Amino acid sequence: MRTHNPTRTAVFAAMLGASGLAAQNIEAYQYWFDDDVEGAITTTVAGAPTFELDTPIEADALSAGFHKITIRFRDSNNAWS
């Protein structure tokens, strides 16, 4: 019997400012599969305090089986989440 995991969607919010820190604009996002940080895809976006990622992520080059995706965001201070 063959089974698979359903697609998962997560929504989250990071709140800065409550601790006295000024919120920063999101200026880019980056993702990679498994542990291939060297093959990371980086995309610049218009700077804004919030960002909704709603785009297909190319995964055709992956082999059959289970994989992990890592995604992070860069703020206007050049810091990655």
PDB file of N, CA and C in Angstrom:
ATOM      1  N   MET A   1       0.833  -1.173   0.000  1.00  0.00           N
ATOM      2  CA  MET A   1       0.000   0.000   0.000  1.00  0.00           C
ATOM      3  C   MET A   1       0.881   1.241   0.000  1.00  0.00           C
ATOM      4  N   ARG A   2       0.633   2.134  -0.908  1.00  0.00           N
ATOM      5  CA  ARG A   2       1.414   3.354  -1.031  1.00  0.00           C
ATOM      6  C   ARG A   2       0.688   4.500  -0.341  1.00  0.00           C
ATOM      7  N   THR A   3       1.406   5.242   0.495  1.00  0.00           N
ATOM      8  CA  THR A   3       0.815   6.391   1.178  1.00  0.00           C
ATOM      9  C   THR A   3       1.666   7.624   0.910  1.00  0.00           C
ATOM     10  N   HIS A   4       1.098   8.781   1.094  1.00  0.00           N
ATOM     11  CA  HIS A   4       1.833  10.032   0.943  1.00  0.00           C
ATOM     12  C   HIS A   4       1.315  11.048   1.944  1.00  0.00           C
ATOM     13  N   ASN A   5       2.114  12.047   2.167  1.00  0.00           N
ATOM     14  CA  ASN A   5       1.707  13.132   3.064  1.00  0.00           C
ATOM     15  C   ASN A   5       0.934  14.164   2.263  1.00  0.00           C
ATOM     16  N   PRO A   6      -0.141  14.692   2.798  1.00  0.00           N
ATOM     17  CA  PRO A   6      -0.878  15.747   2.104  1.00  0.00           C
ATOM     18  C   PRO A   6      -0.076  17.049   2.119  1.00  0.00           C
ATOM     19  N   THR A   7      -0.399  17.935   1.209  1.00  0.00           N
ATOM     20  CA  THR A   7       0.225  19.256   1.192  1.00  0.00           C
ATOM     21  C   THR A   7      -0.121  19.982   2.477  1.00  0.00           C
ATOM     22  N   ARG A   8       0.850  20.668   3.031  1.00  0.00           N
ATOM     23  CA  ARG A   8       0.623  21.397   4.274  1.00  0.00           C
ATOM     24  C   ARG A   8       0.828  22.883   4.030  1.00  0.00           C
ATOM     25  N   THR A   9      -0.024  23.684   4.602  1.00  0.00           N
ATOM     26  CA  THR A   9       0.088  25.129   4.527  1.00  0.00           C
ATOM     27  C   THR A   9       0.172  25.664   5.938  1.00  0.00           C
ATOM     28  N   ALA A  10       1.099  26.577   6.154  1.00  0.00           N
ATOM     29  CA  ALA A  10       1.250  27.167   7.482  1.00  0.00           C
ATOM     30  C   ALA A  10       1.187  28.679   7.361  1.00  0.00           C
ATOM     31  N   VAL A  11       0.489  29.286   8.251  1.00  0.00           N
ATOM     32  CA  VAL A  11       0.418  30.742   8.318  1.00  0.00           C
ATOM     33  C   VAL A  11       0.967  31.154   9.676  1.00  0.00           C
ATOM     34  N   PHE A  12       1.865  32.116   9.671  1.00  0.00           N
ATOM     35  CA  PHE A  12       2.418  32.568  10.937  1.00  0.00           C
ATOM     36  C   PHE A  12       2.730  34.045  10.839  1.00  0.00           C
ATOM     37  N   ALA A  13       2.871  34.669  11.979  1.00  0.00           N
ATOM     38  CA  ALA A  13       3.235  36.085  12.026  1.00  0.00           C
ATOM     39  C   ALA A  13       4.322  36.258  13.065  1.00  0.00           C
ATOM     40  N   ALA A  14       5.314  37.026  12.714  1.00  0.00           N
ATOM     41  CA  ALA A  14       6.365  37.362  13.664  1.00  0.00           C
ATOM     42  C   ALA A  14       6.141  38.803  14.074  1.00  0.00           C
ATOM     43  N   MET A  15       6.036  39.035  15.349  1.00  0.00           N
ATOM     44  CA  MET A  15       5.750  40.380  15.837  1.00  0.00           C
ATOM     45  C   MET A  15       7.005  40.961  16.475  1.00  0.00           C
ATOM     46  N   LEU A  16       7.482  42.029  15.901  1.00  0.00           N
ATOM     47  CA  LEU A  16       8.572  42.785  16.497  1.00  0.00           C
ATOM     48  C   LEU A  16       7.976  44.091  17.000  1.00  0.00           C
ATOM     49  N   GLY A  17       8.633  44.736  17.848  1.00  0.00           N
ATOM     50  CA  GLY A  17       8.140  46.014  18.354  1.00  0.00           C
ATOM     51  C   GLY A  17       7.581  45.885  19.758  1.00  0.00           C
ATOM     52  N   ALA A  18       6.993  44.745  20.090  1.00  0.00           N
ATOM     53  CA  ALA A  18       6.444  44.559  21.429  1.00  0.00           C
ATOM     54  C   ALA A  18       7.551  44.606  22.472  1.00  0.00           C
ATOM     55  N   SER A  19       8.766  44.206  22.062  1.00  0.00           N
ATOM     56  CA  SER A  19       9.880  44.221  23.003  1.00  0.00           C
ATOM     57  C   SER A  19      10.712  45.485  22.868  1.00  0.00           C
ATOM     58  N   GLY A  20      10.204  46.479  22.116  1.00  0.00           N
ATOM     59  CA  GLY A  20      10.945  47.713  21.933  1.00  0.00           C
ATOM     60  C   GLY A  20      11.748  47.737  20.643  1.00  0.00           C
ATOM     61  N   LEU A  21      11.770  46.644  19.896  1.00  0.00           N
ATOM     62  CA  LEU A  21      12.481  46.608  18.626  1.00  0.00           C
ATOM     63  C   LEU A  21      11.586  47.172  17.527  1.00  0.00           C
ATOM     64  N   ALA A  22      12.149  47.894  16.608  1.00  0.00           N
ATOM     65  CA  ALA A  22      11.371  48.429  15.484  1.00  0.00           C
ATOM     66  C   ALA A  22      11.188  47.336  14.439  1.00  0.00           C
ATOM     67  N   ALA A  23       9.982  47.216  13.927  1.00  0.00           N
ATOM     68  CA  ALA A  23       9.716  46.235  12.876  1.00  0.00           C
ATOM     69  C   ALA A  23      10.469  46.627  11.614  1.00  0.00           C
ATOM     70  N   GLN A  24      10.914  45.635  10.857  1.00  0.00           N
ATOM     71  CA  GLN A  24      11.660  45.855   9.629  1.00  0.00           C
ATOM     72  C   GLN A  24      10.831  45.398   8.432  1.00  0.00           C
ATOM     73  N   ASN A  25      11.157  45.904   7.260  1.00  0.00           N
ATOM     74  CA  ASN A  25      10.499  45.466   6.043  1.00  0.00           C
ATOM     75  C   ASN A  25      11.117  44.164   5.537  1.00  0.00           C
ATOM     76  N   ILE A  26      10.304  43.301   4.991  1.00  0.00           N
ATOM     77  CA  ILE A  26      10.781  42.082   4.347  1.00  0.00           C
ATOM     78  C   ILE A  26      11.228  42.470   2.947  1.00  0.00           C
ATOM     79  N   GLU A  27      12.461  42.097   2.584  1.00  0.00           N
ATOM     80  CA  GLU A  27      13.009  42.495   1.296  1.00  0.00           C
ATOM     81  C   GLU A  27      13.369  41.331   0.391  1.00  0.00           C
ATOM     82  N   ALA A  28      13.419  40.109   0.926  1.00  0.00           N
ATOM     83  CA  ALA A  28      13.756  38.952   0.092  1.00  0.00           C
ATOM     84  C   ALA A  28      13.341  37.679   0.813  1.00  0.00           C
ATOM     85  N   TYR A  29      13.207  36.615   0.038  1.00  0.00           N
ATOM     86  CA  TYR A  29      13.047  35.292   0.630  1.00  0.00           C
ATOM     87  C   TYR A  29      13.981  34.332  -0.083  1.00  0.00           C
ATOM     88  N   GLN A  30      14.290  33.253   0.591  1.00  0.00           N
ATOM     89  CA  GLN A  30      15.224  32.268   0.066  1.00  0.00           C
ATOM     90  C   GLN A  30      14.752  30.893   0.485  1.00  0.00           C
ATOM     91  N   TYR A  31      14.877  29.935  -0.430  1.00  0.00           N
ATOM     92  CA  TYR A  31      14.507  28.564  -0.083  1.00  0.00           C
ATOM     93  C   TYR A  31      15.469  27.576  -0.710  1.00  0.00           C
ATOM     94  N   TRP A  32      15.534  26.391  -0.089  1.00  0.00           N
ATOM     95  CA  TRP A  32      16.339  25.298  -0.631  1.00  0.00           C
ATOM     96  C   TRP A  32      15.730  23.982  -0.162  1.00  0.00           C
ATOM     97  N   PHE A  33      16.109  22.941  -0.866  1.00  0.00           N
ATOM     98  CA  PHE A  33      15.607  21.609  -0.550  1.00  0.00           C
ATOM     99  C   PHE A  33      16.675  20.794   0.152  1.00  0.00           C
ATOM    100  N   ASP A  34      16.216  19.954   1.067  1.00  0.00           N
ATOM    101  CA  ASP A  34      17.083  19.064   1.838  1.00  0.00           C
ATOM    102  C   ASP A  34      18.191  19.902   2.486  1.00  0.00           C
ATOM    103  N   ASP A  35      19.440  19.558   2.303  1.00  0.00           N
ATOM    104  CA  ASP A  35      20.528  20.324   2.918  1.00  0.00           C
ATOM    105  C   ASP A  35      21.350  21.082   1.883  1.00  0.00           C
ATOM    106  N   ASP A  36      20.760  21.365   0.726  1.00  0.00           N
ATOM    107  CA  ASP A  36      21.464  22.005  -0.388  1.00  0.00           C
ATOM    108  C   ASP A  36      21.412  23.527  -0.282  1.00  0.00           C
ATOM    109  N   VAL A  37      22.040  24.079   0.760  1.00  0.00           N
ATOM    110  CA  VAL A  37      22.054  25.533   0.957  1.00  0.00           C
ATOM    111  C   VAL A  37      22.783  26.206  -0.203  1.00  0.00           C
ATOM    112  N   GLU A  38      23.799  25.546  -0.758  1.00  0.00           N
ATOM    113  CA  GLU A  38      24.545  26.118  -1.886  1.00  0.00           C
ATOM    114  C   GLU A  38      23.645  26.321  -3.099  1.00  0.00           C
ATOM    115  N   GLY A  39      22.589  25.536  -3.236  1.00  0.00           N
ATOM    116  CA  GLY A  39      21.661  25.651  -4.358  1.00  0.00           C
ATOM    117  C   GLY A  39      20.433  26.488  -4.039  1.00  0.00           C
ATOM    118  N   ALA A  40      20.514  27.305  -2.994  1.00  0.00           N
ATOM    119  CA  ALA A  40      19.363  28.112  -2.561  1.00  0.00           C
ATOM    120  C   ALA A  40      18.917  29.071  -3.656  1.00  0.00           C
ATOM    121  N   ILE A  41      17.614  29.264  -3.742  1.00  0.00           N
ATOM    122  CA  ILE A  41      17.004  30.214  -4.661  1.00  0.00           C
ATOM    123  C   ILE A  41      16.629  31.449  -3.846  1.00  0.00           C
ATOM    124  N   THR A  42      17.144  32.615  -4.234  1.00  0.00           N
ATOM    125  CA  THR A  42      16.855  33.865  -3.530  1.00  0.00           C
ATOM    126  C   THR A  42      16.048  34.779  -4.448  1.00  0.00           C
ATOM    127  N   THR A  43      14.966  35.335  -3.915  1.00  0.00           N
ATOM    128  CA  THR A  43      14.101  36.229  -4.678  1.00  0.00           C
ATOM    129  C   THR A  43      13.924  37.527  -3.897  1.00  0.00           C
ATOM    130  N   THR A  44      14.201  38.647  -4.542  1.00  0.00           N
ATOM    131  CA  THR A  44      14.001  39.963  -3.943  1.00  0.00           C
ATOM    132  C   THR A  44      12.549  40.377  -4.123  1.00  0.00           C
ATOM    133  N   VAL A  45      11.981  40.984  -3.098  1.00  0.00           N
ATOM    134  CA  VAL A  45      10.592  41.464  -3.154  1.00  0.00           C
ATOM    135  C   VAL A  45      10.567  42.926  -2.737  1.00  0.00           C
ATOM    136  N   ALA A  46       9.471  43.606  -3.074  1.00  0.00           N
ATOM    137  CA  ALA A  46       9.312  45.009  -2.664  1.00  0.00           C
ATOM    138  C   ALA A  46       9.273  45.072  -1.141  1.00  0.00           C
ATOM    139  N   GLY A  47      10.053  45.947  -0.552  1.00  0.00           N
ATOM    140  CA  GLY A  47      10.110  46.045   0.904  1.00  0.00           C
ATOM    141  C   GLY A  47       8.761  46.408   1.511  1.00  0.00           C
ATOM    142  N   ALA A  48       8.320  45.586   2.451  1.00  0.00           N
ATOM    143  CA  ALA A  48       7.045  45.813   3.134  1.00  0.00           C
ATOM    144  C   ALA A  48       7.091  45.118   4.492  1.00  0.00           C
ATOM    145  N   PRO A  49       6.338  45.627   5.478  1.00  0.00           N
ATOM    146  CA  PRO A  49       6.352  45.009   6.805  1.00  0.00           C
ATOM    147  C   PRO A  49       5.724  43.621   6.826  1.00  0.00           C
ATOM    148  N   THR A  50       4.871  43.308   5.848  1.00  0.00           N
ATOM    149  CA  THR A  50       4.302  41.965   5.741  1.00  0.00           C
ATOM    150  C   THR A  50       4.479  41.482   4.310  1.00  0.00           C
ATOM    151  N   PHE A  51       4.463  40.166   4.136  1.00  0.00           N
ATOM    152  CA  PHE A  51       4.641  39.580   2.807  1.00  0.00           C
ATOM    153  C   PHE A  51       3.898  38.256   2.765  1.00  0.00           C
ATOM    154  N   GLU A  52       3.136  38.053   1.709  1.00  0.00           N
ATOM    155  CA  GLU A  52       2.424  36.791   1.516  1.00  0.00           C
ATOM    156  C   GLU A  52       3.066  36.060   0.351  1.00  0.00           C
ATOM    157  N   LEU A  53       3.675  34.917   0.638  1.00  0.00           N
ATOM    158  CA  LEU A  53       4.317  34.105  -0.395  1.00  0.00           C
ATOM    159  C   LEU A  53       3.261  33.213  -1.024  1.00  0.00           C
ATOM    160  N   ASP A  54       2.936  33.509  -2.260  1.00  0.00           N
ATOM    161  CA  ASP A  54       1.913  32.759  -2.981  1.00  0.00           C
ATOM    162  C   ASP A  54       2.422  32.527  -4.401  1.00  0.00           C
ATOM    163  N   THR A  55       3.381  31.631  -4.517  1.00  0.00           N
ATOM    164  CA  THR A  55       4.011  31.363  -5.803  1.00  0.00           C
ATOM    165  C   THR A  55       4.388  29.888  -5.882  1.00  0.00           C
ATOM    166  N   PRO A  56       4.326  29.303  -7.063  1.00  0.00           N
ATOM    167  CA  PRO A  56       4.773  27.907  -7.190  1.00  0.00           C
ATOM    168  C   PRO A  56       6.276  27.817  -6.909  1.00  0.00           C
ATOM    169  N   ILE A  57       6.681  26.766  -6.259  1.00  0.00           N
ATOM    170  CA  ILE A  57       8.097  26.523  -5.998  1.00  0.00           C
ATOM    171  C   ILE A  57       8.517  25.339  -6.849  1.00  0.00           C
ATOM    172  N   GLU A  58       9.492  25.569  -7.720  1.00  0.00           N
ATOM    173  CA  GLU A  58       9.954  24.564  -8.672  1.00  0.00           C
ATOM    174  C   GLU A  58      10.623  23.396  -7.943  1.00  0.00           C
ATOM    175  N   ALA A  59      10.086  22.206  -8.149  1.00  0.00           N
ATOM    176  CA  ALA A  59      10.637  21.016  -7.496  1.00  0.00           C
ATOM    177  C   ALA A  59      10.812  19.859  -8.478  1.00  0.00           C
ATOM    178  N   ASP A  60      10.769  20.146  -9.787  1.00  0.00           N
ATOM    179  CA  ASP A  60      10.862  19.084 -10.789  1.00  0.00           C
ATOM    180  C   ASP A  60      12.176  18.322 -10.755  1.00  0.00           C
ATOM    181  N   ALA A  61      13.250  18.956 -10.305  1.00  0.00           N
ATOM    182  CA  ALA A  61      14.560  18.309 -10.300  1.00  0.00           C
ATOM    183  C   ALA A  61      14.741  17.334  -9.140  1.00  0.00           C
ATOM    184  N   LEU A  62      13.797  17.284  -8.210  1.00  0.00           N
ATOM    185  CA  LEU A  62      13.929  16.386  -7.057  1.00  0.00           C
ATOM    186  C   LEU A  62      13.642  14.946  -7.455  1.00  0.00           C
ATOM    187  N   SER A  63      14.362  14.039  -6.843  1.00  0.00           N
ATOM    188  CA  SER A  63      14.104  12.616  -7.060  1.00  0.00           C
ATOM    189  C   SER A  63      12.824  12.219  -6.330  1.00  0.00           C
ATOM    190  N   ALA A  64      12.277  11.075  -6.693  1.00  0.00           N
ATOM    191  CA  ALA A  64      11.084  10.576  -6.004  1.00  0.00           C
ATOM    192  C   ALA A  64      11.435  10.308  -4.541  1.00  0.00           C
ATOM    193  N   GLY A  65      10.513  10.544  -3.644  1.00  0.00           N
ATOM    194  CA  GLY A  65      10.739  10.286  -2.228  1.00  0.00           C
ATOM    195  C   GLY A  65      10.447  11.509  -1.384  1.00  0.00           C
ATOM    196  N   PHE A  66      10.826  11.431  -0.126  1.00  0.00           N
ATOM    197  CA  PHE A  66      10.577  12.502   0.828  1.00  0.00           C
ATOM    198  C   PHE A  66      11.700  13.523   0.784  1.00  0.00           C
ATOM    199  N   HIS A  67      11.331  14.798   0.895  1.00  0.00           N
ATOM    200  CA  HIS A  67      12.293  15.885   0.888  1.00  0.00           C
ATOM    201  C   HIS A  67      11.875  16.937   1.910  1.00  0.00           C
ATOM    202  N   LYS A  68      12.823  17.780   2.280  1.00  0.00           N
ATOM    203  CA  LYS A  68      12.577  18.865   3.229  1.00  0.00           C
ATOM    204  C   LYS A  68      12.813  20.185   2.492  1.00  0.00           C
ATOM    205  N   ILE A  69      11.933  21.164   2.715  1.00  0.00           N
ATOM    206  CA  ILE A  69      12.155  22.505   2.178  1.00  0.00           C
ATOM    207  C   ILE A  69      12.395  23.457   3.344  1.00  0.00           C
ATOM    208  N   THR A  70      13.392  24.316   3.172  1.00  0.00           N
ATOM    209  CA  THR A  70      13.696  25.344   4.165  1.00  0.00           C
ATOM    210  C   THR A  70      13.466  26.690   3.498  1.00  0.00           C
ATOM    211  N   ILE A  71      12.788  27.584   4.182  1.00  0.00           N
ATOM    212  CA  ILE A  71      12.535  28.919   3.648  1.00  0.00           C
ATOM    213  C   ILE A  71      12.819  29.941   4.740  1.00  0.00           C
ATOM    214  N   ARG A  72      13.415  31.041   4.324  1.00  0.00           N
ATOM    215  CA  ARG A  72      13.684  32.126   5.273  1.00  0.00           C
ATOM    216  C   ARG A  72      13.488  33.460   4.566  1.00  0.00           C
ATOM    217  N   PHE A  73      13.381  34.525   5.372  1.00  0.00           N
ATOM    218  CA  PHE A  73      13.111  35.857   4.863  1.00  0.00           C
ATOM    219  C   PHE A  73      14.182  36.819   5.344  1.00  0.00           C
ATOM    220  N   ARG A  74      14.547  37.789   4.493  1.00  0.00           N
ATOM    221  CA  ARG A  74      15.549  38.796   4.854  1.00  0.00           C
ATOM    222  C   ARG A  74      14.872  40.132   5.076  1.00  0.00           C
ATOM    223  N   ASP A  75      15.252  40.807   6.145  1.00  0.00           N
ATOM    224  CA  ASP A  75      14.640  42.103   6.436  1.00  0.00           C
ATOM    225  C   ASP A  75      15.534  43.244   5.948  1.00  0.00           C
ATOM    226  N   SER A  76      15.083  44.467   6.160  1.00  0.00           N
ATOM    227  CA  SER A  76      15.790  45.651   5.670  1.00  0.00           C
ATOM    228  C   SER A  76      17.102  45.907   6.405  1.00  0.00           C
ATOM    229  N   ASN A  77      17.390  45.180   7.454  1.00  0.00           N
ATOM    230  CA  ASN A  77      18.687  45.242   8.137  1.00  0.00           C
ATOM    231  C   ASN A  77      19.636  44.164   7.622  1.00  0.00           C
ATOM    232  N   ASN A  78      19.221  43.470   6.562  1.00  0.00           N
ATOM    233  CA  ASN A  78      20.004  42.378   5.965  1.00  0.00           C
ATOM    234  C   ASN A  78      20.099  41.166   6.873  1.00  0.00           C
ATOM    235  N   ALA A  79      19.196  41.043   7.822  1.00  0.00           N
ATOM    236  CA  ALA A  79      19.173  39.892   8.735  1.00  0.00           C
ATOM    237  C   ALA A  79      18.178  38.847   8.206  1.00  0.00           C
ATOM    238  N   TRP A  80      18.587  37.587   8.203  1.00  0.00           N
ATOM    239  CA  TRP A  80      17.706  36.483   7.774  1.00  0.00           C
ATOM    240  C   TRP A  80      16.932  35.946   8.959  1.00  0.00           C
ATOM    241  N   SER A  81      15.702  35.543   8.736  1.00  0.00           N
ATOM    242  CA  SER A  81      14.879  34.972   9.802  1.00  0.00           C
ATOM    243  C   SER A  81      15.367  33.566  10.122  1.00  0.00           C
TER     244      SER A  81
END
